[in-house]
mmCIF file of all heavy atoms, coordinates in Angstrom:
data_MODEL
# 
_entry.id   MODEL 
# 
loop_
_atom_site.group_PDB 
_atom_site.id 
_atom_site.type_symbol 
_atom_site.label_atom_id 
_atom_site.label_alt_id 
_atom_site.label_comp_id 
_atom_site.label_asym_id 
_atom_site.label_entity_id 
_atom_site.label_seq_id 
_atom_site.pdbx_PDB_ins_code 
_atom_site.Cartn_x 
_atom_site.Cartn_y 
_atom_site.Cartn_z 
_atom_site.occupancy 
_atom_site.B_iso_or_equiv 
_atom_site.pdbx_formal_charge 
_atom_site.auth_seq_id 
_atom_site.auth_comp_id 
_atom_site.auth_asym_id 
_atom_site.auth_atom_id 
_atom_site.pdbx_PDB_model_num 
ATOM 1   N N   . LEU A 1 1  ? 0.830   -1.243  -0.033  1.00 0.00 ? 1  LEU A N   1 
ATOM 2   C CA  . LEU A 1 1  ? -0.026  -0.011  -0.011  1.00 0.00 ? 1  LEU A CA  1 
ATOM 3   C C   . LEU A 1 1  ? 0.866   1.251   -0.009  1.00 0.00 ? 1  LEU A C   1 
ATOM 4   O O   . LEU A 1 1  ? 0.481   2.283   -0.546  1.00 0.00 ? 1  LEU A O   1 
ATOM 5   C CB  . LEU A 1 1  ? -0.936  -0.023  1.213   1.00 0.00 ? 1  LEU A CB  1 
ATOM 6   C CG  . LEU A 1 1  ? -1.980  -1.116  1.285   1.00 0.00 ? 1  LEU A CG  1 
ATOM 7   C CD1 . LEU A 1 1  ? -2.802  -1.026  2.589   1.00 0.00 ? 1  LEU A CD1 1 
ATOM 8   C CD2 . LEU A 1 1  ? -2.859  -1.172  0.066   1.00 0.00 ? 1  LEU A CD2 1 
ATOM 9   N N   . GLU A 1 2  ? 2.055   1.141   0.607   1.00 0.00 ? 2  GLU A N   1 
ATOM 10  C CA  . GLU A 1 2  ? 2.915   2.340   0.687   1.00 0.00 ? 2  GLU A CA  1 
ATOM 11  C C   . GLU A 1 2  ? 3.484   2.678   -0.726  1.00 0.00 ? 2  GLU A C   1 
ATOM 12  O O   . GLU A 1 2  ? 3.967   3.831   -0.883  1.00 0.00 ? 2  GLU A O   1 
ATOM 13  C CB  . GLU A 1 2  ? 3.991   2.076   1.692   1.00 0.00 ? 2  GLU A CB  1 
ATOM 14  C CG  . GLU A 1 2  ? 3.575   2.078   3.123   1.00 0.00 ? 2  GLU A CG  1 
ATOM 15  C CD  . GLU A 1 2  ? 4.549   1.374   4.095   1.00 0.00 ? 2  GLU A CD  1 
ATOM 16  O OE1 . GLU A 1 2  ? 5.560   0.935   3.574   1.00 0.00 ? 2  GLU A OE1 1 
ATOM 17  O OE2 . GLU A 1 2  ? 4.240   1.307   5.288   1.00 0.00 ? 2  GLU A OE2 1 
ATOM 18  N N   . LYS A 1 3  ? 3.410   1.787   -1.636  1.00 0.00 ? 3  LYS A N   1 
ATOM 19  C CA  . LYS A 1 3  ? 3.869   2.084   -3.009  1.00 0.00 ? 3  LYS A CA  1 
ATOM 20  C C   . LYS A 1 3  ? 2.847   2.941   -3.793  1.00 0.00 ? 3  LYS A C   1 
ATOM 21  O O   . LYS A 1 3  ? 3.166   3.348   -4.870  1.00 0.00 ? 3  LYS A O   1 
ATOM 22  C CB  . LYS A 1 3  ? 4.075   0.785   -3.722  1.00 0.00 ? 3  LYS A CB  1 
ATOM 23  C CG  . LYS A 1 3  ? 5.221   -0.090  -3.228  1.00 0.00 ? 3  LYS A CG  1 
ATOM 24  C CD  . LYS A 1 3  ? 5.303   -1.365  -4.023  1.00 0.00 ? 3  LYS A CD  1 
ATOM 25  C CE  . LYS A 1 3  ? 6.425   -2.255  -3.484  1.00 0.00 ? 3  LYS A CE  1 
ATOM 26  N NZ  . LYS A 1 3  ? 6.484   -3.553  -4.272  1.00 0.00 ? 3  LYS A NZ  1 
ATOM 27  N N   . VAL A 1 4  ? 1.635   3.075   -3.251  1.00 0.00 ? 4  VAL A N   1 
ATOM 28  C CA  . VAL A 1 4  ? 0.559   3.760   -4.031  1.00 0.00 ? 4  VAL A CA  1 
ATOM 29  C C   . VAL A 1 4  ? 0.815   5.244   -4.034  1.00 0.00 ? 4  VAL A C   1 
ATOM 30  O O   . VAL A 1 4  ? 0.485   5.936   -3.099  1.00 0.00 ? 4  VAL A O   1 
ATOM 31  C CB  . VAL A 1 4  ? -0.837  3.429   -3.476  1.00 0.00 ? 4  VAL A CB  1 
ATOM 32  C CG1 . VAL A 1 4  ? -1.916  4.142   -4.236  1.00 0.00 ? 4  VAL A CG1 1 
ATOM 33  C CG2 . VAL A 1 4  ? -1.018  1.903   -3.500  1.00 0.00 ? 4  VAL A CG2 1 
ATOM 34  N N   . THR A 1 5  ? 1.431   5.719   -5.115  1.00 0.00 ? 5  THR A N   1 
ATOM 35  C CA  . THR A 1 5  ? 1.633   7.185   -5.289  1.00 0.00 ? 5  THR A CA  1 
ATOM 36  C C   . THR A 1 5  ? 1.347   7.547   -6.688  1.00 0.00 ? 5  THR A C   1 
ATOM 37  O O   . THR A 1 5  ? 1.307   6.713   -7.579  1.00 0.00 ? 5  THR A O   1 
ATOM 38  C CB  . THR A 1 5  ? 3.142   7.514   -4.999  1.00 0.00 ? 5  THR A CB  1 
ATOM 39  O OG1 . THR A 1 5  ? 4.002   6.731   -5.847  1.00 0.00 ? 5  THR A OG1 1 
ATOM 40  C CG2 . THR A 1 5  ? 3.498   7.313   -3.545  1.00 0.00 ? 5  THR A CG2 1 
ATOM 41  N N   . THR A 1 6  ? 0.993   8.837   -6.916  1.00 0.00 ? 6  THR A N   1 
ATOM 42  C CA  . THR A 1 6  ? 0.727   9.337   -8.268  1.00 0.00 ? 6  THR A CA  1 
ATOM 43  C C   . THR A 1 6  ? 2.008   9.604   -8.999  1.00 0.00 ? 6  THR A C   1 
ATOM 44  O O   . THR A 1 6  ? 3.055   9.881   -8.394  1.00 0.00 ? 6  THR A O   1 
ATOM 45  C CB  . THR A 1 6  ? -0.072  10.583  -8.161  1.00 0.00 ? 6  THR A CB  1 
ATOM 46  O OG1 . THR A 1 6  ? 0.673   11.601  -7.474  1.00 0.00 ? 6  THR A OG1 1 
ATOM 47  C CG2 . THR A 1 6  ? -1.440  10.446  -7.432  1.00 0.00 ? 6  THR A CG2 1 
ATOM 48  N N   . PRO A 1 7  ? 1.958   9.562   -10.323 1.00 0.00 ? 7  PRO A N   1 
ATOM 49  C CA  . PRO A 1 7  ? 0.810   9.198   -11.180 1.00 0.00 ? 7  PRO A CA  1 
ATOM 50  C C   . PRO A 1 7  ? 0.670   7.689   -11.273 1.00 0.00 ? 7  PRO A C   1 
ATOM 51  O O   . PRO A 1 7  ? 1.611   6.939   -11.125 1.00 0.00 ? 7  PRO A O   1 
ATOM 52  C CB  . PRO A 1 7  ? 1.184   9.778   -12.503 1.00 0.00 ? 7  PRO A CB  1 
ATOM 53  C CG  . PRO A 1 7  ? 2.645   9.764   -12.587 1.00 0.00 ? 7  PRO A CG  1 
ATOM 54  C CD  . PRO A 1 7  ? 3.124   9.975   -11.129 1.00 0.00 ? 7  PRO A CD  1 
ATOM 55  N N   . PHE A 1 8  ? -0.587  7.249   -11.584 1.00 0.00 ? 8  PHE A N   1 
ATOM 56  C CA  . PHE A 1 8  ? -0.798  5.799   -11.809 1.00 0.00 ? 8  PHE A CA  1 
ATOM 57  C C   . PHE A 1 8  ? -0.516  5.423   -13.201 1.00 0.00 ? 8  PHE A C   1 
ATOM 58  O O   . PHE A 1 8  ? -0.668  6.282   -14.148 1.00 0.00 ? 8  PHE A O   1 
ATOM 59  C CB  . PHE A 1 8  ? -2.265  5.425   -11.505 1.00 0.00 ? 8  PHE A CB  1 
ATOM 60  C CG  . PHE A 1 8  ? -2.688  5.626   -10.090 1.00 0.00 ? 8  PHE A CG  1 
ATOM 61  C CD1 . PHE A 1 8  ? -4.062  5.589   -9.744  1.00 0.00 ? 8  PHE A CD1 1 
ATOM 62  C CD2 . PHE A 1 8  ? -1.759  5.753   -9.104  1.00 0.00 ? 8  PHE A CD2 1 
ATOM 63  C CE1 . PHE A 1 8  ? -4.484  5.737   -8.468  1.00 0.00 ? 8  PHE A CE1 1 
ATOM 64  C CE2 . PHE A 1 8  ? -2.180  5.921   -7.684  1.00 0.00 ? 8  PHE A CE2 1 
ATOM 65  C CZ  . PHE A 1 8  ? -3.522  5.901   -7.429  1.00 0.00 ? 8  PHE A CZ  1 
ATOM 66  N N   . PRO A 1 9  ? 0.006   4.288   -13.477 1.00 0.00 ? 9  PRO A N   1 
ATOM 67  C CA  . PRO A 1 9  ? 0.234   3.796   -14.862 1.00 0.00 ? 9  PRO A CA  1 
ATOM 68  C C   . PRO A 1 9  ? -1.104  3.747   -15.641 1.00 0.00 ? 9  PRO A C   1 
ATOM 69  O O   . PRO A 1 9  ? -2.197  3.531   -15.039 1.00 0.00 ? 9  PRO A O   1 
ATOM 70  C CB  . PRO A 1 9  ? 0.875   2.468   -14.717 1.00 0.00 ? 9  PRO A CB  1 
ATOM 71  C CG  . PRO A 1 9  ? 0.531   1.974   -13.350 1.00 0.00 ? 9  PRO A CG  1 
ATOM 72  C CD  . PRO A 1 9  ? 0.375   3.200   -12.511 1.00 0.00 ? 9  PRO A CD  1 
ATOM 73  N N   . ARG A 1 10 ? -0.975  4.018   -16.969 1.00 0.00 ? 10 ARG A N   1 
ATOM 74  C CA  . ARG A 1 10 ? -2.157  3.915   -17.799 1.00 0.00 ? 10 ARG A CA  1 
ATOM 75  C C   . ARG A 1 10 ? -1.865  3.035   -19.039 1.00 0.00 ? 10 ARG A C   1 
ATOM 76  O O   . ARG A 1 10 ? -0.735  3.081   -19.605 1.00 0.00 ? 10 ARG A O   1 
ATOM 77  C CB  . ARG A 1 10 ? -2.535  5.338   -18.339 1.00 0.00 ? 10 ARG A CB  1 
ATOM 78  C CG  . ARG A 1 10 ? -2.810  6.288   -17.205 1.00 0.00 ? 10 ARG A CG  1 
ATOM 79  C CD  . ARG A 1 10 ? -3.143  7.687   -17.701 1.00 0.00 ? 10 ARG A CD  1 
ATOM 80  N NE  . ARG A 1 10 ? -3.261  8.655   -16.601 1.00 0.00 ? 10 ARG A NE  1 
ATOM 81  C CZ  . ARG A 1 10 ? -3.626  9.931   -16.772 1.00 0.00 ? 10 ARG A CZ  1 
ATOM 82  N NH1 . ARG A 1 10 ? -3.892  10.394  -17.995 1.00 0.00 ? 10 ARG A NH1 1 
ATOM 83  N NH2 . ARG A 1 10 ? -3.668  10.698  -15.724 1.00 0.00 ? 10 ARG A NH2 1 
ATOM 84  N N   . ILE A 1 11 ? -2.851  2.268   -19.420 1.00 0.00 ? 11 ILE A N   1 
ATOM 85  C CA  . ILE A 1 11 ? -2.713  1.431   -20.594 1.00 0.00 ? 11 ILE A CA  1 
ATOM 86  C C   . ILE A 1 11 ? -4.004  1.445   -21.293 1.00 0.00 ? 11 ILE A C   1 
ATOM 87  O O   . ILE A 1 11 ? -5.086  1.392   -20.722 1.00 0.00 ? 11 ILE A O   1 
ATOM 88  C CB  . ILE A 1 11 ? -2.318  -0.062  -20.169 1.00 0.00 ? 11 ILE A CB  1 
ATOM 89  C CG1 . ILE A 1 11 ? -2.171  -0.947  -21.400 1.00 0.00 ? 11 ILE A CG1 1 
ATOM 90  C CG2 . ILE A 1 11 ? -3.375  -0.629  -19.223 1.00 0.00 ? 11 ILE A CG2 1 
ATOM 91  C CD1 . ILE A 1 11 ? -1.679  -2.382  -21.073 1.00 0.00 ? 11 ILE A CD1 1 
ATOM 92  N N   . THR A 1 12 ? -3.987  1.588   -22.626 1.00 0.00 ? 12 THR A N   1 
ATOM 93  C CA  . THR A 1 12 ? -5.219  1.599   -23.433 1.00 0.00 ? 12 THR A CA  1 
ATOM 94  C C   . THR A 1 12 ? -5.777  0.201   -23.503 1.00 0.00 ? 12 THR A C   1 
ATOM 95  O O   . THR A 1 12 ? -5.081  -0.807  -23.314 1.00 0.00 ? 12 THR A O   1 
ATOM 96  C CB  . THR A 1 12 ? -5.012  2.141   -24.833 1.00 0.00 ? 12 THR A CB  1 
ATOM 97  O OG1 . THR A 1 12 ? -4.123  1.223   -25.559 1.00 0.00 ? 12 THR A OG1 1 
ATOM 98  C CG2 . THR A 1 12 ? -4.306  3.518   -24.790 1.00 0.00 ? 12 THR A CG2 1 
ATOM 99  N N   . TYR A 1 13 ? -7.078  0.173   -23.785 1.00 0.00 ? 13 TYR A N   1 
ATOM 100 C CA  . TYR A 1 13 ? -7.751  -1.128  -24.029 1.00 0.00 ? 13 TYR A CA  1 
ATOM 101 C C   . TYR A 1 13 ? -7.036  -1.902  -25.076 1.00 0.00 ? 13 TYR A C   1 
ATOM 102 O O   . TYR A 1 13 ? -6.793  -3.119  -24.939 1.00 0.00 ? 13 TYR A O   1 
ATOM 103 C CB  . TYR A 1 13 ? -9.232  -0.897  -24.333 1.00 0.00 ? 13 TYR A CB  1 
ATOM 104 C CG  . TYR A 1 13 ? -9.936  -2.161  -24.704 1.00 0.00 ? 13 TYR A CG  1 
ATOM 105 C CD1 . TYR A 1 13 ? -10.582 -2.947  -23.744 1.00 0.00 ? 13 TYR A CD1 1 
ATOM 106 C CD2 . TYR A 1 13 ? -10.037 -2.563  -26.032 1.00 0.00 ? 13 TYR A CD2 1 
ATOM 107 C CE1 . TYR A 1 13 ? -11.239 -4.113  -24.133 1.00 0.00 ? 13 TYR A CE1 1 
ATOM 108 C CE2 . TYR A 1 13 ? -10.692 -3.755  -26.444 1.00 0.00 ? 13 TYR A CE2 1 
ATOM 109 C CZ  . TYR A 1 13 ? -11.292 -4.509  -25.419 1.00 0.00 ? 13 TYR A CZ  1 
ATOM 110 O OH  . TYR A 1 13 ? -11.987 -5.674  -25.814 1.00 0.00 ? 13 TYR A OH  1 
ATOM 111 N N   . ASP A 1 14 ? -6.733  -1.214  -26.181 1.00 0.00 ? 14 ASP A N   1 
ATOM 112 C CA  . ASP A 1 14 ? -6.028  -1.890  -27.291 1.00 0.00 ? 14 ASP A CA  1 
ATOM 113 C C   . ASP A 1 14 ? -4.744  -2.532  -26.858 1.00 0.00 ? 14 ASP A C   1 
ATOM 114 O O   . ASP A 1 14 ? -4.480  -3.742  -27.175 1.00 0.00 ? 14 ASP A O   1 
ATOM 115 C CB  . ASP A 1 14 ? -5.686  -0.888  -28.399 1.00 0.00 ? 14 ASP A CB  1 
ATOM 116 C CG  . ASP A 1 14 ? -6.959  -0.353  -29.081 1.00 0.00 ? 14 ASP A CG  1 
ATOM 117 O OD1 . ASP A 1 14 ? -8.062  -0.851  -28.737 1.00 0.00 ? 14 ASP A OD1 1 
ATOM 118 O OD2 . ASP A 1 14 ? -6.872  0.532   -29.969 1.00 0.00 ? 14 ASP A OD2 1 
ATOM 119 N N   . ASP A 1 15 ? -3.916  -1.778  -26.107 1.00 0.00 ? 15 ASP A N   1 
ATOM 120 C CA  . ASP A 1 15 ? -2.647  -2.307  -25.641 1.00 0.00 ? 15 ASP A CA  1 
ATOM 121 C C   . ASP A 1 15 ? -2.835  -3.444  -24.610 1.00 0.00 ? 15 ASP A C   1 
ATOM 122 O O   . ASP A 1 15 ? -2.069  -4.400  -24.536 1.00 0.00 ? 15 ASP A O   1 
ATOM 123 C CB  . ASP A 1 15 ? -1.810  -1.230  -25.036 1.00 0.00 ? 15 ASP A CB  1 
ATOM 124 C CG  . ASP A 1 15 ? -1.260  -0.263  -26.123 1.00 0.00 ? 15 ASP A CG  1 
ATOM 125 O OD1 . ASP A 1 15 ? -1.201  -0.647  -27.324 1.00 0.00 ? 15 ASP A OD1 1 
ATOM 126 O OD2 . ASP A 1 15 ? -0.877  0.878   -25.780 1.00 0.00 ? 15 ASP A OD2 1 
ATOM 127 N N   . ALA A 1 16 ? -3.953  -3.282  -23.849 1.00 0.00 ? 16 ALA A N   1 
ATOM 128 C CA  . ALA A 1 16 ? -4.201  -4.333  -22.840 1.00 0.00 ? 16 ALA A CA  1 
ATOM 129 C C   . ALA A 1 16 ? -4.534  -5.659  -23.482 1.00 0.00 ? 16 ALA A C   1 
ATOM 130 O O   . ALA A 1 16 ? -4.132  -6.758  -23.059 1.00 0.00 ? 16 ALA A O   1 
ATOM 131 C CB  . ALA A 1 16 ? -5.368  -3.922  -21.935 1.00 0.00 ? 16 ALA A CB  1 
ATOM 132 N N   . VAL A 1 17 ? -5.299  -5.591  -24.622 1.00 0.00 ? 17 VAL A N   1 
ATOM 133 C CA  . VAL A 1 17 ? -5.638  -6.852  -25.310 1.00 0.00 ? 17 VAL A CA  1 
ATOM 134 C C   . VAL A 1 17 ? -4.334  -7.520  -25.866 1.00 0.00 ? 17 VAL A C   1 
ATOM 135 O O   . VAL A 1 17 ? -4.123  -8.741  -25.748 1.00 0.00 ? 17 VAL A O   1 
ATOM 136 C CB  . VAL A 1 17 ? -6.648  -6.525  -26.447 1.00 0.00 ? 17 VAL A CB  1 
ATOM 137 C CG1 . VAL A 1 17 ? -6.789  -7.738  -27.410 1.00 0.00 ? 17 VAL A CG1 1 
ATOM 138 C CG2 . VAL A 1 17 ? -7.992  -6.153  -25.919 1.00 0.00 ? 17 VAL A CG2 1 
ATOM 139 N N   . GLU A 1 18 ? -3.522  -6.696  -26.448 1.00 0.00 ? 18 GLU A N   1 
ATOM 140 C CA  . GLU A 1 18 ? -2.217  -7.179  -26.960 1.00 0.00 ? 18 GLU A CA  1 
ATOM 141 C C   . GLU A 1 18 ? -1.363  -7.846  -25.855 1.00 0.00 ? 18 GLU A C   1 
ATOM 142 O O   . GLU A 1 18 ? -0.793  -8.899  -26.009 1.00 0.00 ? 18 GLU A O   1 
ATOM 143 C CB  . GLU A 1 18 ? -1.473  -6.062  -27.681 1.00 0.00 ? 18 GLU A CB  1 
ATOM 144 C CG  . GLU A 1 18 ? -2.108  -5.705  -29.009 1.00 0.00 ? 18 GLU A CG  1 
ATOM 145 C CD  . GLU A 1 18 ? -2.272  -6.833  -29.972 1.00 0.00 ? 18 GLU A CD  1 
ATOM 146 O OE1 . GLU A 1 18 ? -1.343  -7.638  -30.155 1.00 0.00 ? 18 GLU A OE1 1 
ATOM 147 O OE2 . GLU A 1 18 ? -3.389  -7.004  -30.468 1.00 0.00 ? 18 GLU A OE2 1 
ATOM 148 N N   . PHE A 1 19 ? -1.343  -7.118  -24.745 1.00 0.00 ? 19 PHE A N   1 
ATOM 149 C CA  . PHE A 1 19 ? -0.541  -7.618  -23.576 1.00 0.00 ? 19 PHE A CA  1 
ATOM 150 C C   . PHE A 1 19 ? -1.116  -8.937  -23.110 1.00 0.00 ? 19 PHE A C   1 
ATOM 151 O O   . PHE A 1 19 ? -0.301  -9.889  -22.846 1.00 0.00 ? 19 PHE A O   1 
ATOM 152 C CB  . PHE A 1 19 ? -0.607  -6.587  -22.435 1.00 0.00 ? 19 PHE A CB  1 
ATOM 153 C CG  . PHE A 1 19 ? -0.094  -7.137  -21.071 1.00 0.00 ? 19 PHE A CG  1 
ATOM 154 C CD1 . PHE A 1 19 ? 1.285   -7.197  -20.853 1.00 0.00 ? 19 PHE A CD1 1 
ATOM 155 C CD2 . PHE A 1 19 ? -1.042  -7.530  -20.118 1.00 0.00 ? 19 PHE A CD2 1 
ATOM 156 C CE1 . PHE A 1 19 ? 1.718   -7.686  -19.652 1.00 0.00 ? 19 PHE A CE1 1 
ATOM 157 C CE2 . PHE A 1 19 ? -0.509  -8.040  -18.920 1.00 0.00 ? 19 PHE A CE2 1 
ATOM 158 C CZ  . PHE A 1 19 ? 0.868   -8.121  -18.687 1.00 0.00 ? 19 PHE A CZ  1 
ATOM 159 N N   . LEU A 1 20 ? -2.422  -9.053  -23.035 1.00 0.00 ? 20 LEU A N   1 
ATOM 160 C CA  . LEU A 1 20 ? -2.975  -10.359 -22.569 1.00 0.00 ? 20 LEU A CA  1 
ATOM 161 C C   . LEU A 1 20 ? -2.769  -11.485 -23.524 1.00 0.00 ? 20 LEU A C   1 
ATOM 162 O O   . LEU A 1 20 ? -2.467  -12.631 -23.092 1.00 0.00 ? 20 LEU A O   1 
ATOM 163 C CB  . LEU A 1 20 ? -4.502  -10.091 -22.377 1.00 0.00 ? 20 LEU A CB  1 
ATOM 164 C CG  . LEU A 1 20 ? -4.920  -9.305  -21.158 1.00 0.00 ? 20 LEU A CG  1 
ATOM 165 C CD1 . LEU A 1 20 ? -6.400  -8.935  -21.237 1.00 0.00 ? 20 LEU A CD1 1 
ATOM 166 C CD2 . LEU A 1 20 ? -4.563  -9.911  -19.832 1.00 0.00 ? 20 LEU A CD2 1 
ATOM 167 N N   . LYS A 1 21 ? -2.753  -11.173 -24.785 1.00 0.00 ? 21 LYS A N   1 
ATOM 168 C CA  . LYS A 1 21 ? -2.484  -12.249 -25.753 1.00 0.00 ? 21 LYS A CA  1 
ATOM 169 C C   . LYS A 1 21 ? -1.012  -12.722 -25.608 1.00 0.00 ? 21 LYS A C   1 
ATOM 170 O O   . LYS A 1 21 ? -0.743  -13.912 -25.719 1.00 0.00 ? 21 LYS A O   1 
ATOM 171 C CB  . LYS A 1 21 ? -2.743  -11.711 -27.217 1.00 0.00 ? 21 LYS A CB  1 
ATOM 172 C CG  . LYS A 1 21 ? -4.235  -11.634 -27.535 1.00 0.00 ? 21 LYS A CG  1 
ATOM 173 C CD  . LYS A 1 21 ? -4.430  -11.163 -28.978 1.00 0.00 ? 21 LYS A CD  1 
ATOM 174 C CE  . LYS A 1 21 ? -5.869  -11.119 -29.350 1.00 0.00 ? 21 LYS A CE  1 
ATOM 175 N NZ  . LYS A 1 21 ? -6.517  -12.511 -29.327 1.00 0.00 ? 21 LYS A NZ  1 
ATOM 176 N N   . GLU A 1 22 ? -0.155  -11.748 -25.347 1.00 0.00 ? 22 GLU A N   1 
ATOM 177 C CA  . GLU A 1 22 ? 1.296   -12.104 -25.131 1.00 0.00 ? 22 GLU A CA  1 
ATOM 178 C C   . GLU A 1 22 ? 1.454   -12.930 -23.895 1.00 0.00 ? 22 GLU A C   1 
ATOM 179 O O   . GLU A 1 22 ? 2.402   -13.711 -23.816 1.00 0.00 ? 22 GLU A O   1 
ATOM 180 C CB  . GLU A 1 22 ? 2.124   -10.835 -25.079 1.00 0.00 ? 22 GLU A CB  1 
ATOM 181 C CG  . GLU A 1 22 ? 2.230   -10.029 -26.356 1.00 0.00 ? 22 GLU A CG  1 
ATOM 182 C CD  . GLU A 1 22 ? 2.889   -8.702  -26.159 1.00 0.00 ? 22 GLU A CD  1 
ATOM 183 O OE1 . GLU A 1 22 ? 3.230   -8.346  -25.026 1.00 0.00 ? 22 GLU A OE1 1 
ATOM 184 O OE2 . GLU A 1 22 ? 3.025   -7.942  -27.120 1.00 0.00 ? 22 GLU A OE2 1 
ATOM 185 N N   . GLN A 1 23 ? 0.571   -12.738 -22.954 1.00 0.00 ? 23 GLN A N   1 
ATOM 186 C CA  . GLN A 1 23 ? 0.641   -13.519 -21.682 1.00 0.00 ? 23 GLN A CA  1 
ATOM 187 C C   . GLN A 1 23 ? -0.083  -14.888 -21.749 1.00 0.00 ? 23 GLN A C   1 
ATOM 188 O O   . GLN A 1 23 ? -0.199  -15.546 -20.776 1.00 0.00 ? 23 GLN A O   1 
ATOM 189 C CB  . GLN A 1 23 ? 0.052   -12.655 -20.510 1.00 0.00 ? 23 GLN A CB  1 
ATOM 190 C CG  . GLN A 1 23 ? 0.758   -11.384 -20.214 1.00 0.00 ? 23 GLN A CG  1 
ATOM 191 C CD  . GLN A 1 23 ? 2.161   -11.582 -19.797 1.00 0.00 ? 23 GLN A CD  1 
ATOM 192 O OE1 . GLN A 1 23 ? 2.411   -12.368 -18.893 1.00 0.00 ? 23 GLN A OE1 1 
ATOM 193 N NE2 . GLN A 1 23 ? 3.074   -10.894 -20.434 1.00 0.00 ? 23 GLN A NE2 1 
ATOM 194 N N   . GLY A 1 24 ? -0.584  -15.171 -22.967 1.00 0.00 ? 24 GLY A N   1 
ATOM 195 C CA  . GLY A 1 24 ? -1.213  -16.489 -23.139 1.00 0.00 ? 24 GLY A CA  1 
ATOM 196 C C   . GLY A 1 24 ? -2.688  -16.488 -22.985 1.00 0.00 ? 24 GLY A C   1 
ATOM 197 O O   . GLY A 1 24 ? -3.287  -17.565 -22.964 1.00 0.00 ? 24 GLY A O   1 
ATOM 198 N N   . PHE A 1 25 ? -3.368  -15.367 -22.866 1.00 0.00 ? 25 PHE A N   1 
ATOM 199 C CA  . PHE A 1 25 ? -4.820  -15.300 -22.803 1.00 0.00 ? 25 PHE A CA  1 
ATOM 200 C C   . PHE A 1 25 ? -5.412  -15.316 -24.188 1.00 0.00 ? 25 PHE A C   1 
ATOM 201 O O   . PHE A 1 25 ? -5.796  -14.276 -24.752 1.00 0.00 ? 25 PHE A O   1 
ATOM 202 C CB  . PHE A 1 25 ? -5.247  -14.088 -22.011 1.00 0.00 ? 25 PHE A CB  1 
ATOM 203 C CG  . PHE A 1 25 ? -4.982  -14.069 -20.547 1.00 0.00 ? 25 PHE A CG  1 
ATOM 204 C CD1 . PHE A 1 25 ? -3.763  -13.595 -20.061 1.00 0.00 ? 25 PHE A CD1 1 
ATOM 205 C CD2 . PHE A 1 25 ? -5.805  -14.674 -19.648 1.00 0.00 ? 25 PHE A CD2 1 
ATOM 206 C CE1 . PHE A 1 25 ? -3.480  -13.609 -18.690 1.00 0.00 ? 25 PHE A CE1 1 
ATOM 207 C CE2 . PHE A 1 25 ? -5.543  -14.735 -18.319 1.00 0.00 ? 25 PHE A CE2 1 
ATOM 208 C CZ  . PHE A 1 25 ? -4.363  -14.190 -17.809 1.00 0.00 ? 25 PHE A CZ  1 
ATOM 209 N N   . ASP A 1 26 ? -5.484  -16.504 -24.787 1.00 0.00 ? 26 ASP A N   1 
ATOM 210 C CA  . ASP A 1 26 ? -6.060  -16.623 -26.136 1.00 0.00 ? 26 ASP A CA  1 
ATOM 211 C C   . ASP A 1 26 ? -7.585  -16.415 -26.204 1.00 0.00 ? 26 ASP A C   1 
ATOM 212 O O   . ASP A 1 26 ? -8.135  -16.345 -27.240 1.00 0.00 ? 26 ASP A O   1 
ATOM 213 C CB  . ASP A 1 26 ? -5.650  -17.980 -26.715 1.00 0.00 ? 26 ASP A CB  1 
ATOM 214 C CG  . ASP A 1 26 ? -4.121  -18.149 -26.754 1.00 0.00 ? 26 ASP A CG  1 
ATOM 215 O OD1 . ASP A 1 26 ? -3.421  -17.167 -26.985 1.00 0.00 ? 26 ASP A OD1 1 
ATOM 216 O OD2 . ASP A 1 26 ? -3.660  -19.324 -26.556 1.00 0.00 ? 26 ASP A OD2 1 
# 
């Protein structure tokens, strides 16, 4: 919890889909 500081990371939905596919979520 102590790591929670601004700014938060942001990822677009498009990039999230690509990331998940790379992680094996077919």
